[in-house]
Amino acid sequence: MLESITYIRASLYLGAGLAIGFGAIGAALGEGYAAGKANEALSFRPEKSGDVIKNMLVGQAIAESAAIFALVVSILLLFMKPGSTNMLVAWASIGAGLAMGLSAIGSGVGAGLPAGTACFGIVRQPASSNKILTTMLVGSAVCQTPAIFGMVIAFLLLFLDLSSIPLYPGWAAVFGAGLSTGLSAIGPGIGNGITAMEAVRGVARNHETISATNRTMLVGLGVAQSTAIYGFLISLMLLFYGFKENHSLTSSMALLGAGVCMGFGGIGPGIGEGITASLAVKWIARNPPLTGVLSRTMLVGMAVAESTGIYSLIVALLLIVMI
């Protein structure tokens, strides 16, 4: 029979693989999109290759951030020495890999969308290059927020003193914490990218509306982040709620279910709200006098799209407090 230390070491390696395995998906897709749009743009005006390539590389560097976060967590897991034989460390290591790896998917994809659109916009409107770049940088940077939530939870799982948490049902709590933040970050990351992409396109089309466009974009980005925040909140509750020792399968499944419930429940609203905000931004840039009515409609629509994420939050909270 294997010793506890062997299980813990094996889980550290598995967590390392999960972190960079999942974490590499989104950044590669986003960077590929940016590079593809740069090529498409240069087919129209090859003389602008200097500006387009510079913009492409900046956008790709931001999209790469989420994968770099995942690489850091993966290396920590790879070289971490098990300091105890507490089996919770094994479950926490797998949870850390999932939190970081899954949360990096949406941020990587999302950051690539405005970068690719900016390459095209610079070719079409060279005089607006600086304004296009500014909007791209703001939008791409906000897209990284869900991945940062994942990195924070991963660090907590790696460095938190777990000695006060009972193994049963603690294993389900630390594993569920990784799933909650990791999965719920996917939707907001992609949704933010869709919104930022339309904002960049709008500024390229009419740079005089940059203030209204960026203001609406930031409101949309902020609201679409909500479900990632819900996932982060559930992860914190799973880590710090203070469970008593309980060997029943029911208690463990309740905590694991809370993480799964909030994680998957956050994906759809994040993307849906991003679509709503993107179309509001698109038409505000084309028709500024309609900013008021379009902003109000956007907020009402996003609030309704948010409701399914709130349902997941409520069920996750009930699962945690009812055991």
Foldseek 3Di string as FASTA:
>chain_A
DDALQVLLLVLLLLLLCLLLVLLVAQLVQLLVLQVVLLVVLCVVPVVCNVLLVVLSVVLSVLLCVLSVLSNVLSVCSNPPRDPDSPNLSSLLSNLLSLLSRLLNNLLNNLSSLLSSLLSNLCSLAVVLNVLLSVLSVVLSNLLCVLNVLSSVLSVCSNPPDCPQPDVVLLSLLSNLLSLLSRQLNNQLSNLSSLQSNLLSVLCSVPVVCNVLLSVLSVVLSVLLCVLSVLSSVLSVCSVPVRDDHDPDPLLNVLNNLLSNLSRNLNRQLSNQLSVLSNVLSNVCSVPVVCSVVSSVVSVVRSVVSCVSSVVSSVSSVCSSVVD
